[in-house]
């Protein structure tokens, strides 16, 4: 691959700088547009809100953001391009498919009665990486895949194998969604068994578990991992995630860990006022939380600035460079 595909064109690995490896500008779960009371989709208004949401992170030096929405989670590369142009942030968008339970598997599952969907999914990924997404000219820079809780379904296995084939031919990294702290080792093993270089794999949402044995069983396969739901205390407390990061850094895994939030400034659907018990559990969730709160906590615990830079700058660069 000649350079790293961003929504504004290719950049070199050295141009990535401080990188958040798993974020969203919007998040729209399948079916949101079936809600008669859903707010209208106003791309201009959303772009303005996204640029504003990035401003604080920019003051900490944020240079690149991976927009991890796969094809079936309301990915909008025109929005990505608008936000990148206006914010000055490199945005790398994804091709890929979400987990079976919450994505849009019906189309390919229907076609599987007659057609080879493994080939069709692979062809989709290849088209979006090498030619562009729709008629936008924007090329995907990562492949995003996902599995459900406690198992990799037959459909998800097809998607992962298609992703592996496309990765080997294009060189773009694979990033993953894991559910509830499960299937990280299995994802890594499957992708590697299909011939993917482990240095091109980032297993996501590793902080869904506080079990260091689970973490090391992924890391021992030579892949990268991401604590990329920082700030979502509603799912798992940052105190435990931070303790796990410190522990893994202490046993020598600084060169395999990345940090991010899985944040989305705007959720599509009807406007919702969160219940009072949820609000404090999401109070820190933003594009700036890692910089404002997590990194200071790590430094207070004795983590060096060099290790912080390794996680925030060097490891993303190495993932895209295959190092």
C-alpha atoms as a PDB file:
ATOM      1  CA  UNK A   1       0.000   0.000   0.000  1.00  0.00           C
ATOM      2  CA  UNK A   2       1.410   3.399  -1.034  1.00  0.00           C
ATOM      3  CA  UNK A   3       0.912   5.474   2.096  1.00  0.00           C
ATOM      4  CA  UNK A   4      -1.906   5.303   4.637  1.00  0.00           C
ATOM      5  CA  UNK A   5      -5.378   6.048   3.309  1.00  0.00           C
ATOM      6  CA  UNK A   6      -6.993   8.999   5.067  1.00  0.00           C
ATOM      7  CA  UNK A   7     -10.225  10.643   3.962  1.00  0.00           C
ATOM      8  CA  UNK A   8      -8.179  13.454   2.414  1.00  0.00           C
ATOM      9  CA  UNK A   9      -5.665  11.190   0.695  1.00  0.00           C
ATOM     10  CA  UNK A  10      -2.562   9.199   1.590  1.00  0.00           C
ATOM     11  CA  UNK A  11      -0.129  10.152   4.350  1.00  0.00           C
ATOM     12  CA  UNK A  12       3.070   8.515   5.528  1.00  0.00           C
ATOM     13  CA  UNK A  13       3.274   6.655   8.862  1.00  0.00           C
ATOM     14  CA  UNK A  14       5.466   9.437  10.207  1.00  0.00           C
ATOM     15  CA  UNK A  15       2.678  11.973   9.659  1.00  0.00           C
ATOM     16  CA  UNK A  16       0.216  10.252  12.006  1.00  0.00           C
ATOM     17  CA  UNK A  17       1.525  11.748  15.261  1.00  0.00           C
ATOM     18  CA  UNK A  18      -0.625  11.353  18.371  1.00  0.00           C
ATOM     19  CA  UNK A  19      -3.366   8.952  17.346  1.00  0.00           C
ATOM     20  CA  UNK A  20      -6.674   7.761  18.788  1.00  0.00           C
ATOM     21  CA  UNK A  21      -7.140   4.329  17.219  1.00  0.00           C
ATOM     22  CA  UNK A  22     -10.841   3.651  17.821  1.00  0.00           C
ATOM     23  CA  UNK A  23     -13.370   6.481  17.762  1.00  0.00           C
ATOM     24  CA  UNK A  24     -16.576   7.505  15.978  1.00  0.00           C
ATOM     25  CA  UNK A  25     -18.011  10.789  14.751  1.00  0.00           C
ATOM     26  CA  UNK A  26     -21.552   9.436  14.825  1.00  0.00           C
ATOM     27  CA  UNK A  27     -22.945   6.101  15.881  1.00  0.00           C
ATOM     28  CA  UNK A  28     -26.151   4.742  14.415  1.00  0.00           C
ATOM     29  CA  UNK A  29     -27.155   1.224  15.323  1.00  0.00           C
ATOM     30  CA  UNK A  30     -29.040  -0.744  12.709  1.00  0.00           C
ATOM     31  CA  UNK A  31     -32.677   0.311  12.770  1.00  0.00           C
ATOM     32  CA  UNK A  32     -32.235   3.833  14.114  1.00  0.00           C
ATOM     33  CA  UNK A  33     -33.765   5.208  10.924  1.00  0.00           C
ATOM     34  CA  UNK A  34     -36.920   3.136  11.524  1.00  0.00           C
ATOM     35  CA  UNK A  35     -37.752   5.265  14.579  1.00  0.00           C
ATOM     36  CA  UNK A  36     -40.413   7.782  13.540  1.00  0.00           C
ATOM     37  CA  UNK A  37     -39.211  10.146  16.278  1.00  0.00           C
ATOM     38  CA  UNK A  38     -35.550  10.016  15.296  1.00  0.00           C
ATOM     39  CA  UNK A  39     -33.878  13.387  14.856  1.00  0.00           C
ATOM     40  CA  UNK A  40     -33.277  14.325  11.198  1.00  0.00           C
ATOM     41  CA  UNK A  41     -29.818  13.605   9.834  1.00  0.00           C
ATOM     42  CA  UNK A  42     -28.272  17.022   9.176  1.00  0.00           C
ATOM     43  CA  UNK A  43     -24.692  16.441   7.973  1.00  0.00           C
ATOM     44  CA  UNK A  44     -23.715  20.111   8.193  1.00  0.00           C
ATOM     45  CA  UNK A  45     -24.954  20.433  11.762  1.00  0.00           C
ATOM     46  CA  UNK A  46     -23.294  17.160  12.743  1.00  0.00           C
ATOM     47  CA  UNK A  47     -19.978  18.201  11.190  1.00  0.00           C
ATOM     48  CA  UNK A  48     -19.989  21.406  13.212  1.00  0.00           C
ATOM     49  CA  UNK A  49     -20.646  19.471  16.419  1.00  0.00           C
ATOM     50  CA  UNK A  50     -17.875  16.980  15.647  1.00  0.00           C
ATOM     51  CA  UNK A  51     -15.312  19.701  14.997  1.00  0.00           C
ATOM     52  CA  UNK A  52     -16.244  21.301  18.308  1.00  0.00           C
ATOM     53  CA  UNK A  53     -15.939  17.930  20.070  1.00  0.00           C
ATOM     54  CA  UNK A  54     -12.370  17.566  18.753  1.00  0.00           C
ATOM     55  CA  UNK A  55     -11.150  20.998  19.820  1.00  0.00           C
ATOM     56  CA  UNK A  56     -10.052  20.092  23.339  1.00  0.00           C
ATOM     57  CA  UNK A  57      -8.192  16.965  22.208  1.00  0.00           C
ATOM     58  CA  UNK A  58      -6.365  19.082  19.621  1.00  0.00           C
ATOM     59  CA  UNK A  59      -4.948  21.236  22.412  1.00  0.00           C
ATOM     60  CA  UNK A  60      -3.189  18.107  23.682  1.00  0.00           C
ATOM     61  CA  UNK A  61      -1.653  17.486  20.272  1.00  0.00           C
ATOM     62  CA  UNK A  62      -4.106  15.022  18.726  1.00  0.00           C
ATOM     63  CA  UNK A  63      -3.160  14.605  15.085  1.00  0.00           C
ATOM     64  CA  UNK A  64      -4.967  11.485  13.810  1.00  0.00           C
ATOM     65  CA  UNK A  65      -8.257   9.733  14.556  1.00  0.00           C
ATOM     66  CA  UNK A  66      -9.420   6.352  13.285  1.00  0.00           C
ATOM     67  CA  UNK A  67     -13.169   6.501  12.601  1.00  0.00           C
ATOM     68  CA  UNK A  68     -13.977   2.870  13.325  1.00  0.00           C
ATOM     69  CA  UNK A  69     -17.552   2.712  12.013  1.00  0.00           C
ATOM     70  CA  UNK A  70     -17.897  -0.290   9.695  1.00  0.00           C
ATOM     71  CA  UNK A  71     -20.210  -0.320   6.690  1.00  0.00           C
ATOM     72  CA  UNK A  72     -23.264  -1.277   8.751  1.00  0.00           C
ATOM     73  CA  UNK A  73     -23.027   1.298  11.584  1.00  0.00           C
ATOM     74  CA  UNK A  74     -24.046   4.389   9.626  1.00  0.00           C
ATOM     75  CA  UNK A  75     -20.556   5.109   8.300  1.00  0.00           C
ATOM     76  CA  UNK A  76     -20.544   8.501   6.543  1.00  0.00           C
ATOM     77  CA  UNK A  77     -17.263   9.218   4.778  1.00  0.00           C
ATOM     78  CA  UNK A  78     -18.544  12.532   3.412  1.00  0.00           C
ATOM     79  CA  UNK A  79     -18.974  13.637   7.029  1.00  0.00           C
ATOM     80  CA  UNK A  80     -15.506  12.280   7.860  1.00  0.00           C
ATOM     81  CA  UNK A  81     -14.026  14.343   5.043  1.00  0.00           C
ATOM     82  CA  UNK A  82     -15.822  17.532   6.122  1.00  0.00           C
ATOM     83  CA  UNK A  83     -14.627  17.130   9.710  1.00  0.00           C
ATOM     84  CA  UNK A  84     -11.043  16.393   8.654  1.00  0.00           C
ATOM     85  CA  UNK A  85     -10.927  19.463   6.392  1.00  0.00           C
ATOM     86  CA  UNK A  86     -12.315  21.754   9.085  1.00  0.00           C
ATOM     87  CA  UNK A  87     -10.456  20.352  12.103  1.00  0.00           C
ATOM     88  CA  UNK A  88      -7.045  19.665  10.559  1.00  0.00           C
ATOM     89  CA  UNK A  89      -7.143  16.156  12.047  1.00  0.00           C
ATOM     90  CA  UNK A  90      -6.179  13.175   9.883  1.00  0.00           C
ATOM     91  CA  UNK A  91      -9.203  10.880   9.789  1.00  0.00           C
ATOM     92  CA  UNK A  92      -8.829   7.258   8.710  1.00  0.00           C
ATOM     93  CA  UNK A  93     -12.110   5.523   7.901  1.00  0.00           C
ATOM     94  CA  UNK A  94     -12.919   1.823   7.854  1.00  0.00           C
ATOM     95  CA  UNK A  95     -14.326  -0.818   5.619  1.00  0.00           C
ATOM     96  CA  UNK A  96     -15.783  -3.795   7.439  1.00  0.00           C
ATOM     97  CA  UNK A  97     -18.826  -5.367   9.035  1.00  0.00           C
ATOM     98  CA  UNK A  98     -20.092  -5.361  12.608  1.00  0.00           C
ATOM     99  CA  UNK A  99     -20.938  -8.358  14.778  1.00  0.00           C
ATOM    100  CA  UNK A 100     -23.889 -10.459  13.685  1.00  0.00           C
ATOM    101  CA  UNK A 101     -26.153  -9.625  16.632  1.00  0.00           C
ATOM    102  CA  UNK A 102     -26.055  -5.856  16.126  1.00  0.00           C
ATOM    103  CA  UNK A 103     -25.000  -5.309  12.520  1.00  0.00           C
ATOM    104  CA  UNK A 104     -26.796  -5.897   9.229  1.00  0.00           C
ATOM    105  CA  UNK A 105     -26.160  -9.549   8.347  1.00  0.00           C
ATOM    106  CA  UNK A 106     -29.512 -10.194   6.649  1.00  0.00           C
ATOM    107  CA  UNK A 107     -28.415  -9.261   3.132  1.00  0.00           C
ATOM    108  CA  UNK A 108     -25.365 -11.484   2.985  1.00  0.00           C
ATOM    109  CA  UNK A 109     -27.047 -14.298   4.918  1.00  0.00           C
ATOM    110  CA  UNK A 110     -29.872 -14.294   2.370  1.00  0.00           C
ATOM    111  CA  UNK A 111     -27.408 -14.346  -0.523  1.00  0.00           C
ATOM    112  CA  UNK A 112     -25.471 -17.189   1.089  1.00  0.00           C
ATOM    113  CA  UNK A 113     -28.265 -19.561   0.067  1.00  0.00           C
ATOM    114  CA  UNK A 114     -27.033 -19.315  -3.518  1.00  0.00           C
ATOM    115  CA  UNK A 115     -23.839 -17.257  -3.685  1.00  0.00           C
ATOM    116  CA  UNK A 116     -20.337 -17.345  -2.219  1.00  0.00           C
ATOM    117  CA  UNK A 117     -20.597 -14.491   0.270  1.00  0.00           C
ATOM    118  CA  UNK A 118     -17.030 -14.968   1.467  1.00  0.00           C
ATOM    119  CA  UNK A 119     -15.910 -13.798  -1.963  1.00  0.00           C
ATOM    120  CA  UNK A 120     -18.521 -11.028  -2.108  1.00  0.00           C
ATOM    121  CA  UNK A 121     -17.494  -9.617   1.281  1.00  0.00           C
ATOM    122  CA  UNK A 122     -13.821  -9.793   0.326  1.00  0.00           C
ATOM    123  CA  UNK A 123     -14.592  -7.979  -2.940  1.00  0.00           C
ATOM    124  CA  UNK A 124     -16.429  -5.270  -0.994  1.00  0.00           C
ATOM    125  CA  UNK A 125     -13.454  -4.712   1.285  1.00  0.00           C
ATOM    126  CA  UNK A 126     -11.048  -4.644  -1.649  1.00  0.00           C
ATOM    127  CA  UNK A 127     -13.138  -2.169  -3.634  1.00  0.00           C
ATOM    128  CA  UNK A 128     -13.355   0.230  -0.707  1.00  0.00           C
ATOM    129  CA  UNK A 129      -9.632   0.035   0.067  1.00  0.00           C
ATOM    130  CA  UNK A 130      -8.257   0.237  -3.471  1.00  0.00           C
ATOM    131  CA  UNK A 131     -10.888   2.213  -5.425  1.00  0.00           C
ATOM    132  CA  UNK A 132     -12.929   4.095  -2.864  1.00  0.00           C
ATOM    133  CA  UNK A 133     -16.200   4.009  -0.947  1.00  0.00           C
ATOM    134  CA  UNK A 134     -19.163   4.542  -3.252  1.00  0.00           C
ATOM    135  CA  UNK A 135     -18.363   7.392  -5.607  1.00  0.00           C
ATOM    136  CA  UNK A 136     -16.670   9.550  -2.934  1.00  0.00           C
ATOM    137  CA  UNK A 137     -13.098   8.696  -3.873  1.00  0.00           C
ATOM    138  CA  UNK A 138     -12.400   8.176  -0.165  1.00  0.00           C
ATOM    139  CA  UNK A 139     -10.426   4.976   0.435  1.00  0.00           C
ATOM    140  CA  UNK A 140     -10.650   2.953   3.644  1.00  0.00           C
ATOM    141  CA  UNK A 141      -7.460   2.803   5.694  1.00  0.00           C
ATOM    142  CA  UNK A 142      -8.410   0.007   8.099  1.00  0.00           C
ATOM    143  CA  UNK A 143     -10.613  -3.081   8.079  1.00  0.00           C
ATOM    144  CA  UNK A 144     -12.974  -3.251  11.077  1.00  0.00           C
ATOM    145  CA  UNK A 145     -14.389  -6.620  12.135  1.00  0.00           C
ATOM    146  CA  UNK A 146     -16.340  -7.732  15.188  1.00  0.00           C
ATOM    147  CA  UNK A 147     -17.505 -10.775  17.104  1.00  0.00           C
ATOM    148  CA  UNK A 148     -20.217 -11.347  19.677  1.00  0.00           C
ATOM    149  CA  UNK A 149     -20.076 -12.409  23.310  1.00  0.00           C
ATOM    150  CA  UNK A 150     -18.465 -15.769  23.978  1.00  0.00           C
ATOM    151  CA  UNK A 151     -18.318 -17.067  20.415  1.00  0.00           C
ATOM    152  CA  UNK A 152     -17.434 -16.325  16.811  1.00  0.00           C
ATOM    153  CA  UNK A 153     -20.537 -17.105  14.772  1.00  0.00           C
ATOM    154  CA  UNK A 154     -20.355 -18.770  11.375  1.00  0.00           C
ATOM    155  CA  UNK A 155     -21.218 -15.445   9.712  1.00  0.00           C
ATOM    156  CA  UNK A 156     -18.577 -13.588  11.729  1.00  0.00           C
ATOM    157  CA  UNK A 157     -15.975 -16.210  10.802  1.00  0.00           C
ATOM    158  CA  UNK A 158     -16.701 -15.586   7.127  1.00  0.00           C
ATOM    159  CA  UNK A 159     -16.247 -11.849   7.670  1.00  0.00           C
ATOM    160  CA  UNK A 160     -12.955 -12.316   9.534  1.00  0.00           C
ATOM    161  CA  UNK A 161     -11.593 -14.605   6.830  1.00  0.00           C
ATOM    162  CA  UNK A 162     -12.604 -12.146   4.105  1.00  0.00           C
ATOM    163  CA  UNK A 163     -10.884  -9.394   6.075  1.00  0.00           C
ATOM    164  CA  UNK A 164      -7.746 -11.516   6.370  1.00  0.00           C
ATOM    165  CA  UNK A 165      -7.623 -12.062   2.619  1.00  0.00           C
ATOM    166  CA  UNK A 166      -8.095  -8.356   1.891  1.00  0.00           C
ATOM    167  CA  UNK A 167      -5.513  -7.409   4.510  1.00  0.00           C
ATOM    168  CA  UNK A 168      -2.871  -9.654   2.978  1.00  0.00           C
ATOM    169  CA  UNK A 169      -3.422  -8.154  -0.464  1.00  0.00           C
ATOM    170  CA  UNK A 170      -3.535  -4.497   0.574  1.00  0.00           C
ATOM    171  CA  UNK A 171      -1.468  -4.230   3.744  1.00  0.00           C
ATOM    172  CA  UNK A 172      -4.103  -2.207   5.630  1.00  0.00           C
ATOM    173  CA  UNK A 173      -4.408  -3.112   9.325  1.00  0.00           C
ATOM    174  CA  UNK A 174      -7.313  -5.004  10.860  1.00  0.00           C
ATOM    175  CA  UNK A 175      -8.884  -3.540  13.997  1.00  0.00           C
ATOM    176  CA  UNK A 176     -11.512  -5.438  15.958  1.00  0.00           C
ATOM    177  CA  UNK A 177     -14.474  -5.154  18.272  1.00  0.00           C
ATOM    178  CA  UNK A 178     -14.692  -7.726  21.047  1.00  0.00           C
ATOM    179  CA  UNK A 179     -17.796  -8.056  23.168  1.00  0.00           C
ATOM    180  CA  UNK A 180     -17.784  -8.095  26.978  1.00  0.00           C
ATOM    181  CA  UNK A 181     -14.140  -9.052  27.335  1.00  0.00           C
ATOM    182  CA  UNK A 182     -14.367 -12.219  25.245  1.00  0.00           C
ATOM    183  CA  UNK A 183     -12.927 -13.728  22.052  1.00  0.00           C
ATOM    184  CA  UNK A 184      -9.782 -11.623  21.814  1.00  0.00           C
ATOM    185  CA  UNK A 185      -7.440 -14.648  21.733  1.00  0.00           C
ATOM    186  CA  UNK A 186      -9.724 -16.432  19.296  1.00  0.00           C
ATOM    187  CA  UNK A 187      -9.893 -13.442  16.954  1.00  0.00           C
ATOM    188  CA  UNK A 188      -6.116 -13.143  16.917  1.00  0.00           C
ATOM    189  CA  UNK A 189      -5.618 -16.862  16.343  1.00  0.00           C
ATOM    190  CA  UNK A 190      -8.138 -17.008  13.493  1.00  0.00           C
ATOM    191  CA  UNK A 191      -6.688 -14.011  11.678  1.00  0.00           C
ATOM    192  CA  UNK A 192      -3.113 -15.250  12.084  1.00  0.00           C
ATOM    193  CA  UNK A 193      -4.114 -18.739  10.908  1.00  0.00           C
ATOM    194  CA  UNK A 194      -5.429 -17.071   7.736  1.00  0.00           C
ATOM    195  CA  UNK A 195      -2.008 -15.586   7.111  1.00  0.00           C
ATOM    196  CA  UNK A 196      -2.322 -12.078   8.567  1.00  0.00           C
ATOM    197  CA  UNK A 197       0.896 -10.652   9.990  1.00  0.00           C
ATOM    198  CA  UNK A 198       0.175 -10.196  13.720  1.00  0.00           C
ATOM    199  CA  UNK A 199       1.864  -6.789  13.521  1.00  0.00           C
ATOM    200  CA  UNK A 200      -1.082  -5.670  11.366  1.00  0.00           C
ATOM    201  CA  UNK A 201      -3.753  -6.676  13.918  1.00  0.00           C
ATOM    202  CA  UNK A 202      -5.174  -4.593  16.779  1.00  0.00           C
ATOM    203  CA  UNK A 203      -7.561  -6.469  19.070  1.00  0.00           C
ATOM    204  CA  UNK A 204     -10.008  -3.931  20.444  1.00  0.00           C
ATOM    205  CA  UNK A 205     -11.968  -3.400  23.662  1.00  0.00           C
ATOM    206  CA  UNK A 206      -9.426  -5.449  25.614  1.00  0.00           C
ATOM    207  CA  UNK A 207     -10.444  -3.451  28.680  1.00  0.00           C
ATOM    208  CA  UNK A 208     -13.758  -5.288  28.790  1.00  0.00           C
ATOM    209  CA  UNK A 209     -11.910  -7.695  31.079  1.00  0.00           C
ATOM    210  CA  UNK A 210      -9.624  -7.066  34.044  1.00  0.00           C
ATOM    211  CA  UNK A 211      -8.056 -10.516  33.722  1.00  0.00           C
ATOM    212  CA  UNK A 212      -4.362 -10.103  32.916  1.00  0.00           C
ATOM    213  CA  UNK A 213      -4.204 -13.722  31.803  1.00  0.00           C
ATOM    214  CA  UNK A 214      -6.811 -12.882  29.160  1.00  0.00           C
ATOM    215  CA  UNK A 215      -4.767  -9.868  28.068  1.00  0.00           C
ATOM    216  CA  UNK A 216      -1.473 -11.742  27.877  1.00  0.00           C
ATOM    217  CA  UNK A 217      -3.088 -14.627  25.976  1.00  0.00           C
ATOM    218  CA  UNK A 218      -3.803 -12.091  23.238  1.00  0.00           C
ATOM    219  CA  UNK A 219      -0.465 -10.293  23.478  1.00  0.00           C
ATOM    220  CA  UNK A 220       1.538 -13.516  23.341  1.00  0.00           C
ATOM    221  CA  UNK A 221       0.321 -13.947  19.767  1.00  0.00           C
ATOM    222  CA  UNK A 222       2.290 -10.869  18.716  1.00  0.00           C
ATOM    223  CA  UNK A 223      -0.657  -8.562  18.001  1.00  0.00           C
ATOM    224  CA  UNK A 224      -1.468  -5.117  19.334  1.00  0.00           C
ATOM    225  CA  UNK A 225      -4.246  -4.525  21.860  1.00  0.00           C
ATOM    226  CA  UNK A 226      -6.297  -1.425  22.593  1.00  0.00           C
ATOM    227  CA  UNK A 227      -7.819  -0.161  25.804  1.00  0.00           C
ATOM    228  CA  UNK A 228     -10.203   1.828  23.661  1.00  0.00           C
ATOM    229  CA  UNK A 229     -13.323   2.345  25.749  1.00  0.00           C
ATOM    230  CA  UNK A 230     -11.762   4.617  28.313  1.00  0.00           C
ATOM    231  CA  UNK A 231     -14.379   6.858  29.862  1.00  0.00           C
ATOM    232  CA  UNK A 232     -17.234   4.369  29.537  1.00  0.00           C
ATOM    233  CA  UNK A 233     -17.465   3.502  33.220  1.00  0.00           C
ATOM    234  CA  UNK A 234     -21.004   2.361  32.541  1.00  0.00           C
ATOM    235  CA  UNK A 235     -19.528  -0.799  30.984  1.00  0.00           C
ATOM    236  CA  UNK A 236     -16.355  -1.221  33.034  1.00  0.00           C
ATOM    237  CA  UNK A 237     -14.609   1.162  35.469  1.00  0.00           C
ATOM    238  CA  UNK A 238     -11.561   3.097  34.345  1.00  0.00           C
ATOM    239  CA  UNK A 239      -9.904   2.369  37.685  1.00  0.00           C
ATOM    240  CA  UNK A 240      -9.617  -1.289  36.698  1.00  0.00           C
ATOM    241  CA  UNK A 241      -8.683  -0.516  33.103  1.00  0.00           C
ATOM    242  CA  UNK A 242      -5.917   1.806  34.296  1.00  0.00           C
ATOM    243  CA  UNK A 243      -4.640  -0.798  36.745  1.00  0.00           C
ATOM    244  CA  UNK A 244      -4.475  -3.335  33.910  1.00  0.00           C
ATOM    245  CA  UNK A 245      -2.565  -0.904  31.674  1.00  0.00           C
ATOM    246  CA  UNK A 246      -0.047  -0.235  34.459  1.00  0.00           C
ATOM    247  CA  UNK A 247       0.366  -3.960  35.076  1.00  0.00           C
ATOM    248  CA  UNK A 248       0.948  -4.762  31.409  1.00  0.00           C
ATOM    249  CA  UNK A 249       3.384  -1.883  31.034  1.00  0.00           C
ATOM    250  CA  UNK A 250       5.226  -3.218  34.060  1.00  0.00           C
ATOM    251  CA  UNK A 251       5.804  -6.613  32.453  1.00  0.00           C
ATOM    252  CA  UNK A 252       7.107  -5.199  29.202  1.00  0.00           C
ATOM    253  CA  UNK A 253       4.165  -4.715  26.829  1.00  0.00           C
ATOM    254  CA  UNK A 254       4.432  -0.959  26.236  1.00  0.00           C
ATOM    255  CA  UNK A 255       5.152  -1.582  22.553  1.00  0.00           C
ATOM    256  CA  UNK A 256       1.847  -3.442  22.041  1.00  0.00           C
ATOM    257  CA  UNK A 257      -0.761  -1.229  23.764  1.00  0.00           C
ATOM    258  CA  UNK A 258      -2.876   1.641  22.403  1.00  0.00           C
ATOM    259  CA  UNK A 259      -5.383   3.924  24.131  1.00  0.00           C
ATOM    260  CA  UNK A 260      -8.663   5.363  22.867  1.00  0.00           C
ATOM    261  CA  UNK A 261     -12.302   5.979  23.841  1.00  0.00           C
ATOM    262  CA  UNK A 262     -14.801   4.523  21.329  1.00  0.00           C
ATOM    263  CA  UNK A 263     -16.429   7.926  21.716  1.00  0.00           C
ATOM    264  CA  UNK A 264     -19.169   9.319  19.491  1.00  0.00           C
ATOM    265  CA  UNK A 265     -20.267  12.954  19.911  1.00  0.00           C
ATOM    266  CA  UNK A 266     -23.632  12.162  18.302  1.00  0.00           C
ATOM    267  CA  UNK A 267     -25.826   9.066  18.513  1.00  0.00           C
ATOM    268  CA  UNK A 268     -28.421   8.771  15.796  1.00  0.00           C
ATOM    269  CA  UNK A 269     -32.054   8.225  16.648  1.00  0.00           C
ATOM    270  CA  UNK A 270     -34.482  10.011  18.924  1.00  0.00           C
ATOM    271  CA  UNK A 271     -33.006  12.476  21.434  1.00  0.00           C
ATOM    272  CA  UNK A 272     -32.575  10.752  24.769  1.00  0.00           C
ATOM    273  CA  UNK A 273     -32.018  12.206  28.219  1.00  0.00           C
ATOM    274  CA  UNK A 274     -29.910   9.630  30.035  1.00  0.00           C
ATOM    275  CA  UNK A 275     -31.118   8.377  33.417  1.00  0.00           C
ATOM    276  CA  UNK A 276     -29.477  10.068  36.378  1.00  0.00           C
ATOM    277  CA  UNK A 277     -27.610   6.918  37.434  1.00  0.00           C
ATOM    278  CA  UNK A 278     -25.887   6.702  34.035  1.00  0.00           C
ATOM    279  CA  UNK A 279     -24.720  10.312  33.706  1.00  0.00           C
ATOM    280  CA  UNK A 280     -21.833  10.152  36.221  1.00  0.00           C
ATOM    281  CA  UNK A 281     -20.658   6.909  34.617  1.00  0.00           C
ATOM    282  CA  UNK A 282     -20.166   8.737  31.315  1.00  0.00           C
ATOM    283  CA  UNK A 283     -19.108  12.113  32.701  1.00  0.00           C
ATOM    284  CA  UNK A 284     -15.527  11.846  31.404  1.00  0.00           C
ATOM    285  CA  UNK A 285     -16.296  10.249  28.041  1.00  0.00           C
ATOM    286  CA  UNK A 286     -14.881  12.479  25.310  1.00  0.00           C
ATOM    287  CA  UNK A 287     -12.069  12.659  22.771  1.00  0.00           C
ATOM    288  CA  UNK A 288      -9.925  14.388  25.435  1.00  0.00           C
ATOM    289  CA  UNK A 289     -10.351  11.994  28.382  1.00  0.00           C
ATOM    290  CA  UNK A 290      -7.171   9.989  27.728  1.00  0.00           C
ATOM    291  CA  UNK A 291      -5.141  13.203  27.700  1.00  0.00           C
ATOM    292  CA  UNK A 292      -6.876  14.944  30.613  1.00  0.00           C
ATOM    293  CA  UNK A 293      -7.300  12.052  33.009  1.00  0.00           C
ATOM    294  CA  UNK A 294      -5.809   8.699  31.985  1.00  0.00           C
ATOM    295  CA  UNK A 295      -2.299   9.847  31.038  1.00  0.00           C
ATOM    296  CA  UNK A 296      -1.924  11.949  34.230  1.00  0.00           C
ATOM    297  CA  UNK A 297      -3.019   8.920  36.274  1.00  0.00           C
ATOM    298  CA  UNK A 298      -0.470   6.737  34.506  1.00  0.00           C
ATOM    299  CA  UNK A 299       2.291   9.284  35.090  1.00  0.00           C
ATOM    300  CA  UNK A 300       1.337   9.568  38.755  1.00  0.00           C
ATOM    301  CA  UNK A 301       1.777   5.796  38.983  1.00  0.00           C
ATOM    302  CA  UNK A 302       5.288   6.115  37.586  1.00  0.00           C
ATOM    303  CA  UNK A 303       4.723   5.463  33.872  1.00  0.00           C
ATOM    304  CA  UNK A 304       7.347   7.358  31.891  1.00  0.00           C
ATOM    305  CA  UNK A 305       6.670   9.876  29.177  1.00  0.00           C
ATOM    306  CA  UNK A 306       8.503   7.612  26.747  1.00  0.00           C
ATOM    307  CA  UNK A 307       6.004   4.813  27.374  1.00  0.00           C
ATOM    308  CA  UNK A 308       3.111   7.232  26.920  1.00  0.00           C
ATOM    309  CA  UNK A 309       4.561   8.301  23.573  1.00  0.00           C
ATOM    310  CA  UNK A 310       5.031   4.662  22.620  1.00  0.00           C
ATOM    311  CA  UNK A 311       1.323   3.960  23.162  1.00  0.00           C
ATOM    312  CA  UNK A 312      -0.006   7.169  21.609  1.00  0.00           C
ATOM    313  CA  UNK A 313       2.436   7.742  18.729  1.00  0.00           C
ATOM    314  CA  UNK A 314       4.813   4.872  18.041  1.00  0.00           C
ATOM    315  CA  UNK A 315       2.406   1.936  18.236  1.00  0.00           C
ATOM    316  CA  UNK A 316      -0.196   3.377  15.832  1.00  0.00           C
ATOM    317  CA  UNK A 317       2.589   4.241  13.410  1.00  0.00           C
ATOM    318  CA  UNK A 318       4.042   0.741  13.705  1.00  0.00           C
ATOM    319  CA  UNK A 319       0.639  -0.902  13.206  1.00  0.00           C
ATOM    320  CA  UNK A 320       0.177   0.921   9.911  1.00  0.00           C
ATOM    321  CA  UNK A 321       3.804   0.348   8.916  1.00  0.00           C
ATOM    322  CA  UNK A 322       3.696  -3.347   9.862  1.00  0.00           C
ATOM    323  CA  UNK A 323       6.502  -3.086  12.407  1.00  0.00           C
END
